[in-house]
Amino acid sequence: MEYAFLGEPGSGATLRLDYRAFAYAGKFVVGAPGKAALRTADGSPAVPSWEPDEPLPPTVDASAFDDDVIAAVSFSPDRTDSDCCRLRYVTVHVARRGEGLGPRLIDRTVSRLAADGYERVRIAVNNPFAYAALHKSGFAYTGKQTGIAEFVLERPAAEPASEGERGGERYRAGLRAFRDGDRDLDAVERAFVASRLEADGE
């Protein structure tokens, strides 16, 4: 696979992703945010053997999908802080989840954003799996929430947040916020949070 920086914010870059394979697929047809992706090097389908759970409606043309995309991210400048870029949506093909592709894509994209002059990168996550993955990518929980139970994480663009900023109590605080907050976690999410807290001695 290869990393592809498809366009900076305002470039009009779009992706047509199969909504049966990618969360947030509809968000990638909007041209205003920048976009980057992991895709197959030769343009072949990302998961040739994947069989969707449902057929497409007759009005949808499957050949219009960018089926070589394995993972994608969109991003745009923070409206209140021109030195900061926000990662808006990160999505990985349903058949390739759990392979560490999201963090790999984010690492490459953050490096590119640093080269483009951004000082900080933020992202809001709404589930503990994304929270843990972003922690591995050097993001620290800010203690802030936005939207519907979305936790805001941040890191310097040029390097990961320091272990003091993102590790230990700060990391556990975010896990506890997922566990104790208003959002109803499913059984798998609850078990994941409990296992992470238990591994840290809680």
N, C-alpha and C. Protein backbone atom coordinates (compact mmCIF):
# COMPACT_ATOMS: atom_id res chain seq x y z
N MET A 1 0.84 -1.18 0.00
CA MET A 1 0.00 0.00 0.00
C MET A 1 0.88 1.23 0.00
N GLU A 2 0.27 2.38 -0.35
CA GLU A 2 1.02 3.63 -0.37
C GLU A 2 0.21 4.75 0.27
N TYR A 3 0.94 5.75 0.78
CA TYR A 3 0.29 6.92 1.35
C TYR A 3 0.07 7.92 0.23
N ALA A 4 -1.12 8.50 0.20
CA ALA A 4 -1.44 9.49 -0.83
C ALA A 4 -2.01 10.73 -0.15
N PHE A 5 -1.32 11.86 -0.29
CA PHE A 5 -1.86 13.14 0.16
C PHE A 5 -2.67 13.68 -1.01
N LEU A 6 -3.99 13.68 -0.87
CA LEU A 6 -4.87 13.95 -2.00
C LEU A 6 -5.14 15.42 -2.22
N GLY A 7 -4.96 16.22 -1.19
CA GLY A 7 -5.17 17.66 -1.36
C GLY A 7 -5.28 18.37 -0.03
N GLU A 8 -4.78 19.60 0.01
CA GLU A 8 -4.87 20.40 1.22
C GLU A 8 -6.29 20.98 1.33
N PRO A 9 -6.64 21.54 2.50
CA PRO A 9 -7.97 22.14 2.63
C PRO A 9 -8.22 23.19 1.56
N GLY A 10 -9.40 23.16 0.98
CA GLY A 10 -9.76 24.10 -0.07
C GLY A 10 -9.38 23.65 -1.46
N SER A 11 -8.70 22.51 -1.59
CA SER A 11 -8.26 22.05 -2.91
C SER A 11 -9.38 21.40 -3.71
N GLY A 12 -10.46 21.04 -3.04
CA GLY A 12 -11.57 20.38 -3.73
C GLY A 12 -11.41 18.88 -3.85
N ALA A 13 -10.41 18.30 -3.18
CA ALA A 13 -10.20 16.85 -3.25
C ALA A 13 -11.40 16.11 -2.64
N THR A 14 -11.83 15.07 -3.31
CA THR A 14 -12.94 14.26 -2.81
C THR A 14 -12.61 12.78 -2.96
N LEU A 15 -13.33 11.97 -2.19
CA LEU A 15 -13.26 10.52 -2.32
C LEU A 15 -14.68 9.98 -2.34
N ARG A 16 -14.91 9.00 -3.16
CA ARG A 16 -16.22 8.33 -3.18
C ARG A 16 -16.01 6.95 -2.57
N LEU A 17 -16.38 6.81 -1.30
CA LEU A 17 -16.17 5.57 -0.56
C LEU A 17 -17.47 4.80 -0.44
N ASP A 18 -17.37 3.49 -0.47
CA ASP A 18 -18.53 2.62 -0.31
C ASP A 18 -19.00 2.71 1.14
N TYR A 19 -20.20 3.20 1.33
CA TYR A 19 -20.72 3.40 2.69
C TYR A 19 -20.89 2.09 3.45
N ARG A 20 -20.89 0.96 2.75
CA ARG A 20 -21.01 -0.33 3.42
C ARG A 20 -19.68 -0.76 4.03
N ALA A 21 -18.59 -0.17 3.55
CA ALA A 21 -17.24 -0.54 4.02
C ALA A 21 -16.61 0.50 4.91
N PHE A 22 -17.04 1.76 4.79
CA PHE A 22 -16.38 2.86 5.50
C PHE A 22 -17.38 3.66 6.31
N ALA A 23 -17.07 3.86 7.59
CA ALA A 23 -17.83 4.82 8.40
C ALA A 23 -17.56 6.22 7.85
N TYR A 24 -18.52 7.09 7.97
CA TYR A 24 -18.39 8.49 7.54
C TYR A 24 -18.15 8.64 6.04
N ALA A 25 -18.50 7.64 5.24
CA ALA A 25 -18.21 7.70 3.80
C ALA A 25 -18.72 8.98 3.16
N GLY A 26 -19.91 9.42 3.55
CA GLY A 26 -20.50 10.61 2.95
C GLY A 26 -19.73 11.89 3.22
N LYS A 27 -18.93 11.91 4.27
CA LYS A 27 -18.17 13.11 4.60
C LYS A 27 -17.01 13.36 3.63
N PHE A 28 -16.63 12.34 2.88
CA PHE A 28 -15.46 12.45 2.01
C PHE A 28 -15.79 12.96 0.60
N VAL A 29 -17.09 13.14 0.32
CA VAL A 29 -17.46 13.73 -0.97
C VAL A 29 -17.48 15.24 -0.90
N VAL A 30 -17.30 15.80 0.30
CA VAL A 30 -17.25 17.25 0.48
C VAL A 30 -15.85 17.74 0.15
N GLY A 31 -15.75 18.75 -0.71
CA GLY A 31 -14.44 19.16 -1.21
C GLY A 31 -13.66 20.13 -0.35
N ALA A 32 -14.30 20.77 0.64
CA ALA A 32 -13.60 21.79 1.42
C ALA A 32 -12.46 21.25 2.28
N PRO A 33 -12.65 20.16 3.06
CA PRO A 33 -11.53 19.66 3.87
C PRO A 33 -10.43 19.05 3.00
N GLY A 34 -9.19 19.06 3.53
CA GLY A 34 -8.11 18.32 2.88
C GLY A 34 -8.32 16.83 3.10
N LYS A 35 -7.62 16.01 2.31
CA LYS A 35 -7.79 14.57 2.44
C LYS A 35 -6.48 13.85 2.15
N ALA A 36 -6.34 12.71 2.83
CA ALA A 36 -5.21 11.81 2.58
C ALA A 36 -5.73 10.39 2.74
N ALA A 37 -4.98 9.44 2.17
CA ALA A 37 -5.46 8.07 2.21
C ALA A 37 -4.30 7.08 2.16
N LEU A 38 -4.56 5.89 2.63
CA LEU A 38 -3.74 4.73 2.32
C LEU A 38 -4.48 3.98 1.23
N ARG A 39 -3.78 3.67 0.15
CA ARG A 39 -4.44 2.99 -0.96
C ARG A 39 -3.50 1.96 -1.57
N THR A 40 -4.04 1.08 -2.38
CA THR A 40 -3.20 0.08 -3.02
C THR A 40 -2.28 0.77 -4.03
N ALA A 41 -1.07 0.27 -4.15
CA ALA A 41 -0.07 0.92 -5.00
C ALA A 41 -0.42 0.82 -6.48
N ASP A 42 -1.14 -0.23 -6.86
CA ASP A 42 -1.42 -0.44 -8.28
C ASP A 42 -2.86 -0.13 -8.67
N GLY A 43 -3.64 0.45 -7.75
CA GLY A 43 -5.02 0.79 -8.07
C GLY A 43 -6.00 -0.36 -7.98
N SER A 44 -5.53 -1.51 -7.53
CA SER A 44 -6.41 -2.67 -7.41
C SER A 44 -7.33 -2.51 -6.20
N PRO A 45 -8.43 -3.27 -6.12
CA PRO A 45 -9.33 -3.14 -4.97
C PRO A 45 -8.61 -3.39 -3.65
N ALA A 46 -8.98 -2.61 -2.64
CA ALA A 46 -8.33 -2.70 -1.33
C ALA A 46 -8.52 -4.06 -0.69
N VAL A 47 -9.70 -4.63 -0.83
CA VAL A 47 -10.00 -5.95 -0.24
C VAL A 47 -10.79 -6.74 -1.28
N PRO A 48 -10.09 -7.39 -2.21
CA PRO A 48 -10.78 -8.08 -3.31
C PRO A 48 -11.79 -9.12 -2.87
N SER A 49 -11.55 -9.78 -1.74
CA SER A 49 -12.42 -10.85 -1.30
C SER A 49 -13.59 -10.37 -0.44
N TRP A 50 -13.65 -9.07 -0.15
CA TRP A 50 -14.70 -8.56 0.74
C TRP A 50 -16.07 -8.65 0.10
N GLU A 51 -17.01 -9.18 0.87
CA GLU A 51 -18.40 -9.28 0.43
C GLU A 51 -19.27 -8.43 1.35
N PRO A 52 -19.92 -7.39 0.83
CA PRO A 52 -20.76 -6.54 1.69
C PRO A 52 -21.98 -7.30 2.20
N ASP A 53 -22.51 -6.83 3.32
CA ASP A 53 -23.67 -7.46 3.95
C ASP A 53 -24.97 -7.16 3.22
N GLU A 54 -24.97 -6.10 2.42
CA GLU A 54 -26.20 -5.71 1.73
C GLU A 54 -25.87 -5.25 0.32
N PRO A 55 -26.82 -5.41 -0.60
CA PRO A 55 -26.58 -4.95 -1.97
C PRO A 55 -26.73 -3.43 -2.06
N LEU A 56 -26.16 -2.88 -3.10
CA LEU A 56 -26.35 -1.45 -3.36
C LEU A 56 -27.72 -1.21 -3.98
N PRO A 57 -28.31 -0.06 -3.71
CA PRO A 57 -29.55 0.28 -4.42
C PRO A 57 -29.27 0.37 -5.92
N PRO A 58 -30.27 0.13 -6.75
CA PRO A 58 -30.05 0.16 -8.21
C PRO A 58 -29.59 1.52 -8.73
N THR A 59 -29.83 2.58 -7.95
CA THR A 59 -29.42 3.92 -8.39
C THR A 59 -27.96 4.24 -8.10
N VAL A 60 -27.26 3.34 -7.39
CA VAL A 60 -25.85 3.59 -7.03
C VAL A 60 -24.95 2.75 -7.91
N ASP A 61 -23.99 3.39 -8.53
CA ASP A 61 -23.04 2.73 -9.43
C ASP A 61 -21.78 2.34 -8.67
N ALA A 62 -21.58 1.05 -8.47
CA ALA A 62 -20.42 0.59 -7.69
C ALA A 62 -19.11 0.97 -8.35
N SER A 63 -19.08 1.12 -9.65
CA SER A 63 -17.82 1.45 -10.34
C SER A 63 -17.37 2.88 -10.04
N ALA A 64 -18.26 3.69 -9.47
CA ALA A 64 -17.89 5.06 -9.13
C ALA A 64 -17.10 5.15 -7.82
N PHE A 65 -17.09 4.08 -7.02
CA PHE A 65 -16.37 4.10 -5.75
C PHE A 65 -14.86 4.05 -5.98
N ASP A 66 -14.12 4.73 -5.10
CA ASP A 66 -12.67 4.63 -5.08
C ASP A 66 -12.32 3.36 -4.30
N ASP A 67 -12.35 2.22 -4.99
CA ASP A 67 -12.24 0.94 -4.28
C ASP A 67 -10.81 0.53 -3.96
N ASP A 68 -9.84 1.38 -4.34
CA ASP A 68 -8.45 1.10 -3.97
C ASP A 68 -8.08 1.70 -2.61
N VAL A 69 -9.02 2.42 -1.97
CA VAL A 69 -8.75 3.07 -0.69
C VAL A 69 -8.88 2.06 0.45
N ILE A 70 -7.89 2.05 1.32
CA ILE A 70 -7.88 1.17 2.49
C ILE A 70 -8.26 1.96 3.74
N ALA A 71 -7.82 3.21 3.82
CA ALA A 71 -8.13 4.08 4.95
C ALA A 71 -8.04 5.52 4.47
N ALA A 72 -8.81 6.40 5.09
CA ALA A 72 -8.83 7.81 4.66
C ALA A 72 -9.01 8.72 5.86
N VAL A 73 -8.52 9.96 5.70
CA VAL A 73 -8.66 10.98 6.74
C VAL A 73 -8.97 12.31 6.07
N SER A 74 -9.81 13.11 6.70
CA SER A 74 -10.04 14.48 6.24
C SER A 74 -9.62 15.45 7.34
N PHE A 75 -9.28 16.67 6.96
CA PHE A 75 -8.73 17.63 7.92
C PHE A 75 -8.94 19.05 7.42
N SER A 76 -8.99 19.98 8.36
CA SER A 76 -9.13 21.39 8.00
C SER A 76 -8.60 22.25 9.15
N PRO A 77 -8.24 23.50 8.85
CA PRO A 77 -7.73 24.37 9.91
C PRO A 77 -8.79 24.57 11.00
N ASP A 78 -8.33 24.69 12.23
CA ASP A 78 -9.23 25.01 13.33
C ASP A 78 -9.78 26.42 13.11
N ARG A 79 -11.07 26.58 13.26
CA ARG A 79 -11.70 27.88 12.98
C ARG A 79 -11.23 28.97 13.94
N THR A 80 -10.79 28.59 15.12
CA THR A 80 -10.43 29.59 16.14
C THR A 80 -8.93 29.69 16.38
N ASP A 81 -8.15 28.86 15.67
CA ASP A 81 -6.70 28.81 15.92
C ASP A 81 -5.99 28.44 14.63
N SER A 82 -5.45 29.43 13.94
CA SER A 82 -4.87 29.20 12.61
C SER A 82 -3.60 28.36 12.66
N ASP A 83 -2.98 28.21 13.83
CA ASP A 83 -1.79 27.38 13.96
C ASP A 83 -2.13 25.91 14.16
N CYS A 84 -3.41 25.62 14.27
CA CYS A 84 -3.85 24.25 14.58
C CYS A 84 -4.70 23.70 13.44
N CYS A 85 -4.48 22.43 13.12
CA CYS A 85 -5.30 21.74 12.13
C CYS A 85 -6.09 20.64 12.85
N ARG A 86 -7.34 20.48 12.48
CA ARG A 86 -8.19 19.44 13.07
C ARG A 86 -8.35 18.27 12.10
N LEU A 87 -8.10 17.08 12.61
CA LEU A 87 -8.46 15.89 11.86
C LEU A 87 -9.96 15.71 12.05
N ARG A 88 -10.71 15.68 10.97
CA ARG A 88 -12.17 15.68 11.06
C ARG A 88 -12.74 14.26 11.10
N TYR A 89 -12.36 13.46 10.14
CA TYR A 89 -12.89 12.09 10.05
C TYR A 89 -11.76 11.15 9.67
N VAL A 90 -11.69 10.03 10.36
CA VAL A 90 -10.74 8.96 10.05
C VAL A 90 -11.55 7.69 9.86
N THR A 91 -11.32 6.98 8.77
CA THR A 91 -12.08 5.76 8.52
C THR A 91 -11.19 4.71 7.89
N VAL A 92 -11.40 3.47 8.28
CA VAL A 92 -10.64 2.32 7.78
C VAL A 92 -11.63 1.31 7.23
N HIS A 93 -11.30 0.69 6.11
CA HIS A 93 -12.16 -0.33 5.52
C HIS A 93 -12.52 -1.36 6.58
N VAL A 94 -13.80 -1.73 6.63
CA VAL A 94 -14.29 -2.61 7.68
C VAL A 94 -13.53 -3.94 7.74
N ALA A 95 -13.03 -4.40 6.60
CA ALA A 95 -12.31 -5.67 6.58
C ALA A 95 -10.84 -5.54 6.94
N ARG A 96 -10.36 -4.30 7.17
CA ARG A 96 -8.95 -4.09 7.50
C ARG A 96 -8.76 -3.45 8.88
N ARG A 97 -9.83 -3.37 9.65
CA ARG A 97 -9.72 -2.78 10.98
C ARG A 97 -8.93 -3.69 11.91
N GLY A 98 -8.26 -3.09 12.88
CA GLY A 98 -7.46 -3.85 13.83
C GLY A 98 -6.04 -4.12 13.38
N GLU A 99 -5.64 -3.56 12.23
CA GLU A 99 -4.29 -3.77 11.70
C GLU A 99 -3.36 -2.59 11.98
N GLY A 100 -3.85 -1.59 12.70
CA GLY A 100 -3.02 -0.42 12.97
C GLY A 100 -2.93 0.56 11.82
N LEU A 101 -3.86 0.46 10.86
CA LEU A 101 -3.79 1.32 9.68
C LEU A 101 -4.21 2.75 9.98
N GLY A 102 -5.18 2.94 10.90
CA GLY A 102 -5.58 4.29 11.26
C GLY A 102 -4.42 5.09 11.84
N PRO A 103 -3.73 4.55 12.87
CA PRO A 103 -2.57 5.28 13.39
C PRO A 103 -1.47 5.52 12.35
N ARG A 104 -1.26 4.55 11.46
CA ARG A 104 -0.24 4.74 10.41
C ARG A 104 -0.62 5.91 9.50
N LEU A 105 -1.88 5.96 9.11
CA LEU A 105 -2.36 7.06 8.27
C LEU A 105 -2.25 8.39 8.99
N ILE A 106 -2.63 8.41 10.25
CA ILE A 106 -2.58 9.65 11.04
C ILE A 106 -1.15 10.12 11.21
N ASP A 107 -0.22 9.21 11.49
CA ASP A 107 1.19 9.59 11.65
C ASP A 107 1.72 10.28 10.40
N ARG A 108 1.43 9.70 9.25
CA ARG A 108 1.92 10.29 7.99
C ARG A 108 1.27 11.65 7.74
N THR A 109 -0.01 11.75 8.03
CA THR A 109 -0.72 12.99 7.78
C THR A 109 -0.26 14.09 8.72
N VAL A 110 -0.04 13.76 9.99
CA VAL A 110 0.45 14.76 10.94
C VAL A 110 1.83 15.26 10.51
N SER A 111 2.69 14.37 10.03
CA SER A 111 4.00 14.79 9.54
C SER A 111 3.86 15.78 8.38
N ARG A 112 2.92 15.50 7.50
CA ARG A 112 2.69 16.40 6.37
C ARG A 112 2.16 17.76 6.86
N LEU A 113 1.25 17.73 7.82
CA LEU A 113 0.71 18.98 8.35
C LEU A 113 1.79 19.80 9.04
N ALA A 114 2.72 19.13 9.72
CA ALA A 114 3.85 19.83 10.33
C ALA A 114 4.70 20.51 9.25
N ALA A 115 4.96 19.79 8.17
CA ALA A 115 5.74 20.35 7.06
C ALA A 115 5.02 21.54 6.43
N ASP A 116 3.68 21.54 6.49
CA ASP A 116 2.89 22.64 5.92
C ASP A 116 2.80 23.83 6.87
N GLY A 117 3.41 23.72 8.06
CA GLY A 117 3.49 24.86 8.96
C GLY A 117 2.54 24.87 10.15
N TYR A 118 1.74 23.83 10.29
CA TYR A 118 0.86 23.78 11.47
C TYR A 118 1.69 23.44 12.71
N GLU A 119 1.34 24.06 13.82
CA GLU A 119 2.06 23.81 15.08
C GLU A 119 1.42 22.69 15.90
N ARG A 120 0.10 22.57 15.81
CA ARG A 120 -0.63 21.57 16.61
C ARG A 120 -1.70 20.89 15.76
N VAL A 121 -2.05 19.69 16.18
CA VAL A 121 -3.12 18.93 15.52
C VAL A 121 -4.08 18.46 16.59
N ARG A 122 -5.39 18.62 16.34
CA ARG A 122 -6.43 18.17 17.27
C ARG A 122 -7.35 17.18 16.59
N ILE A 123 -7.99 16.39 17.41
CA ILE A 123 -9.02 15.48 16.92
C ILE A 123 -9.99 15.20 18.06
N ALA A 124 -11.25 15.01 17.72
CA ALA A 124 -12.27 14.63 18.70
C ALA A 124 -12.67 13.18 18.41
N VAL A 125 -12.71 12.35 19.44
CA VAL A 125 -13.05 10.93 19.26
C VAL A 125 -14.27 10.60 20.10
N ASN A 126 -15.05 9.64 19.61
CA ASN A 126 -16.29 9.29 20.32
C ASN A 126 -16.34 7.84 20.78
N ASN A 127 -15.19 7.16 20.75
CA ASN A 127 -15.19 5.78 21.26
C ASN A 127 -13.81 5.46 21.83
N PRO A 128 -13.76 4.52 22.77
CA PRO A 128 -12.49 4.25 23.46
C PRO A 128 -11.43 3.59 22.58
N PHE A 129 -11.84 2.92 21.50
CA PHE A 129 -10.85 2.31 20.61
C PHE A 129 -10.07 3.39 19.87
N ALA A 130 -10.79 4.40 19.36
CA ALA A 130 -10.12 5.52 18.70
C ALA A 130 -9.26 6.28 19.70
N TYR A 131 -9.75 6.43 20.92
CA TYR A 131 -9.00 7.13 21.97
C TYR A 131 -7.65 6.44 22.19
N ALA A 132 -7.66 5.12 22.34
CA ALA A 132 -6.42 4.38 22.58
C ALA A 132 -5.49 4.45 21.36
N ALA A 133 -6.06 4.37 20.16
CA ALA A 133 -5.24 4.43 18.94
C ALA A 133 -4.57 5.79 18.80
N LEU A 134 -5.30 6.86 19.11
CA LEU A 134 -4.72 8.20 19.01
C LEU A 134 -3.66 8.43 20.08
N HIS A 135 -3.84 7.83 21.24
CA HIS A 135 -2.82 7.91 22.28
C HIS A 135 -1.51 7.31 21.76
N LYS A 136 -1.60 6.18 21.05
CA LYS A 136 -0.40 5.56 20.47
C LYS A 136 0.25 6.45 19.42
N SER A 137 -0.56 7.32 18.81
CA SER A 137 -0.04 8.23 17.79
C SER A 137 0.42 9.56 18.38
N GLY A 138 0.59 9.59 19.71
CA GLY A 138 1.18 10.77 20.33
C GLY A 138 0.21 11.85 20.75
N PHE A 139 -1.10 11.57 20.73
CA PHE A 139 -2.09 12.56 21.14
C PHE A 139 -2.37 12.44 22.64
N ALA A 140 -2.67 13.57 23.26
CA ALA A 140 -2.97 13.63 24.68
C ALA A 140 -4.39 14.12 24.88
N TYR A 141 -5.09 13.54 25.83
CA TYR A 141 -6.43 13.99 26.20
C TYR A 141 -6.33 15.38 26.82
N THR A 142 -7.13 16.31 26.31
CA THR A 142 -7.08 17.69 26.80
C THR A 142 -7.99 17.91 28.02
N GLY A 143 -8.85 16.95 28.31
CA GLY A 143 -9.83 17.14 29.37
C GLY A 143 -11.09 17.83 28.87
N LYS A 144 -11.12 18.19 27.59
CA LYS A 144 -12.28 18.89 27.01
C LYS A 144 -13.14 17.92 26.20
N GLN A 145 -14.42 18.25 26.13
CA GLN A 145 -15.34 17.48 25.31
C GLN A 145 -16.07 18.43 24.37
N THR A 146 -16.51 17.88 23.25
CA THR A 146 -17.26 18.65 22.27
C THR A 146 -18.30 17.74 21.65
N GLY A 147 -19.29 18.32 21.04
CA GLY A 147 -20.31 17.52 20.37
C GLY A 147 -21.00 16.58 21.35
N ILE A 148 -21.37 15.42 20.86
CA ILE A 148 -22.04 14.42 21.68
C ILE A 148 -21.00 13.44 22.19
N ALA A 149 -20.52 13.68 23.40
CA ALA A 149 -19.54 12.80 24.05
C ALA A 149 -18.31 12.56 23.19
N GLU A 150 -17.81 13.62 22.56
CA GLU A 150 -16.56 13.53 21.81
C GLU A 150 -15.45 14.13 22.66
N PHE A 151 -14.38 13.38 22.84
CA PHE A 151 -13.27 13.80 23.68
C PHE A 151 -12.19 14.40 22.79
N VAL A 152 -11.70 15.58 23.17
CA VAL A 152 -10.72 16.30 22.36
C VAL A 152 -9.31 15.88 22.77
N LEU A 153 -8.51 15.47 21.78
CA LEU A 153 -7.10 15.13 21.98
C LEU A 153 -6.26 16.05 21.11
N GLU A 154 -5.01 16.27 21.52
CA GLU A 154 -4.14 17.20 20.81
C GLU A 154 -2.70 16.74 20.93
N ARG A 155 -1.90 17.13 19.95
CA ARG A 155 -0.45 16.91 20.01
C ARG A 155 0.26 17.98 19.20
N PRO A 156 1.54 18.24 19.51
CA PRO A 156 2.32 19.09 18.61
C PRO A 156 2.43 18.40 17.25
N ALA A 157 2.45 19.18 16.18
CA ALA A 157 2.52 18.58 14.85
C ALA A 157 3.90 17.97 14.60
N ALA A 158 4.95 18.58 15.13
CA ALA A 158 6.31 18.16 14.81
C ALA A 158 6.77 16.93 15.57
N GLU A 159 6.13 16.63 16.70
CA GLU A 159 6.56 15.50 17.51
C GLU A 159 5.40 15.06 18.40
N PRO A 160 5.41 13.83 18.89
CA PRO A 160 4.33 13.42 19.79
C PRO A 160 4.31 14.25 21.07
N ALA A 161 3.14 14.32 21.68
CA ALA A 161 3.06 14.93 23.00
C ALA A 161 3.98 14.14 23.94
N SER A 162 4.55 14.83 24.93
CA SER A 162 5.46 14.15 25.84
C SER A 162 4.72 13.11 26.67
N GLU A 163 5.46 12.16 27.18
CA GLU A 163 4.84 11.13 28.02
C GLU A 163 4.16 11.75 29.23
N GLY A 164 4.72 12.82 29.76
CA GLY A 164 4.10 13.50 30.89
C GLY A 164 2.77 14.13 30.53
N GLU A 165 2.65 14.60 29.27
CA GLU A 165 1.41 15.22 28.83
C GLU A 165 0.32 14.19 28.51
N ARG A 166 0.72 13.03 28.01
CA ARG A 166 -0.30 12.11 27.53
C ARG A 166 -0.40 10.80 28.31
N GLY A 167 0.59 10.50 29.13
CA GLY A 167 0.60 9.21 29.81
C GLY A 167 -0.02 9.25 31.18
N GLY A 168 0.03 8.12 31.85
CA GLY A 168 -0.36 8.03 33.25
C GLY A 168 -1.75 8.52 33.54
N GLU A 169 -1.83 9.46 34.45
CA GLU A 169 -3.12 9.94 34.95
C GLU A 169 -3.95 10.60 33.85
N ARG A 170 -3.31 11.32 32.95
CA ARG A 170 -4.05 11.98 31.85
C ARG A 170 -4.75 10.95 30.98
N TYR A 171 -4.06 9.90 30.62
CA TYR A 171 -4.64 8.83 29.80
C TYR A 171 -5.78 8.14 30.54
N ARG A 172 -5.55 7.82 31.81
CA ARG A 172 -6.59 7.15 32.60
C ARG A 172 -7.82 8.04 32.79
N ALA A 173 -7.61 9.35 32.88
CA ALA A 173 -8.73 10.27 33.04
C ALA A 173 -9.69 10.18 31.86
N GLY A 174 -9.14 10.06 30.67
CA GLY A 174 -9.99 9.91 29.49
C GLY A 174 -10.74 8.59 29.49
N LEU A 175 -10.06 7.51 29.88
CA LEU A 175 -10.73 6.22 29.96
C LEU A 175 -11.86 6.24 30.99
N ARG A 176 -11.59 6.87 32.14
CA ARG A 176 -12.64 6.97 33.16
C ARG A 176 -13.81 7.83 32.66
N ALA A 177 -13.51 8.85 31.88
CA ALA A 177 -14.58 9.69 31.34
C ALA A 177 -15.47 8.90 30.39
N PHE A 178 -14.87 8.01 29.61
CA PHE A 178 -15.69 7.12 28.78
C PHE A 178 -16.54 6.20 29.66
N ARG A 179 -15.92 5.63 30.69
CA ARG A 179 -16.61 4.68 31.55
C ARG A 179 -17.76 5.33 32.31
N ASP A 180 -17.53 6.54 32.82
CA ASP A 180 -18.47 7.16 33.74
C ASP A 180 -19.36 8.21 33.09
N GLY A 181 -19.14 8.51 31.81
CA GLY A 181 -19.87 9.60 31.17
C GLY A 181 -21.28 9.22 30.73
N ASP A 182 -21.90 10.16 30.02
CA ASP A 182 -23.29 10.00 29.59
C ASP A 182 -23.44 9.03 28.43
N ARG A 183 -22.37 8.81 27.68
CA ARG A 183 -22.47 7.94 26.51
C ARG A 183 -22.61 6.48 26.95
N ASP A 184 -23.58 5.78 26.35
CA ASP A 184 -23.78 4.37 26.68
C ASP A 184 -22.79 3.53 25.87
N LEU A 185 -21.82 2.94 26.54
CA LEU A 185 -20.87 2.06 25.88
C LEU A 185 -21.53 0.70 25.68
N ASP A 186 -21.19 0.05 24.56
CA ASP A 186 -21.67 -1.32 24.39
C ASP A 186 -20.76 -2.25 25.20
N ALA A 187 -21.11 -3.52 25.22
CA ALA A 187 -20.39 -4.48 26.07
C ALA A 187 -18.92 -4.58 25.69
N VAL A 188 -18.62 -4.54 24.40
CA VAL A 188 -17.23 -4.65 23.95
C VAL A 188 -16.44 -3.42 24.37
N GLU A 189 -17.04 -2.24 24.23
CA GLU A 189 -16.36 -1.01 24.65
C GLU A 189 -16.14 -1.00 26.16
N ARG A 190 -17.14 -1.42 26.93
CA ARG A 190 -16.98 -1.45 28.39
C ARG A 190 -15.85 -2.39 28.80
N ALA A 191 -15.79 -3.55 28.15
CA ALA A 191 -14.73 -4.51 28.49
C ALA A 191 -13.37 -3.95 28.11
N PHE A 192 -13.29 -3.25 26.99
CA PHE A 192 -12.03 -2.66 26.55
C PHE A 192 -11.54 -1.62 27.56
N VAL A 193 -12.43 -0.72 27.98
CA VAL A 193 -12.05 0.31 28.95
C VAL A 193 -11.63 -0.32 30.27
N ALA A 194 -12.41 -1.30 30.72
CA ALA A 194 -12.08 -1.96 31.99
C ALA A 194 -10.73 -2.63 31.93
N SER A 195 -10.42 -3.28 30.80
CA SER A 195 -9.14 -3.98 30.69
C SER A 195 -7.97 -3.00 30.68
N ARG A 196 -8.16 -1.83 30.04
CA ARG A 196 -7.09 -0.84 30.01
C ARG A 196 -6.87 -0.22 31.39
N LEU A 197 -7.95 0.07 32.08
CA LEU A 197 -7.81 0.61 33.44
C LEU A 197 -7.22 -0.41 34.39
N GLU A 198 -7.63 -1.66 34.23
CA GLU A 198 -7.09 -2.72 35.09
C GLU A 198 -5.59 -2.90 34.84
N ALA A 199 -5.18 -2.80 33.56
CA ALA A 199 -3.77 -2.94 33.24
C ALA A 199 -2.95 -1.81 33.87
N ASP A 200 -3.61 -0.67 34.12
CA ASP A 200 -2.94 0.46 34.76
C ASP A 200 -3.13 0.48 36.26
N GLY A 201 -3.68 -0.62 36.82
CA GLY A 201 -3.78 -0.73 38.25
C GLY A 201 -5.07 -0.26 38.87
N GLU A 202 -6.11 -0.02 38.06
CA GLU A 202 -7.41 0.40 38.61
C GLU A 202 -8.37 -0.78 38.65
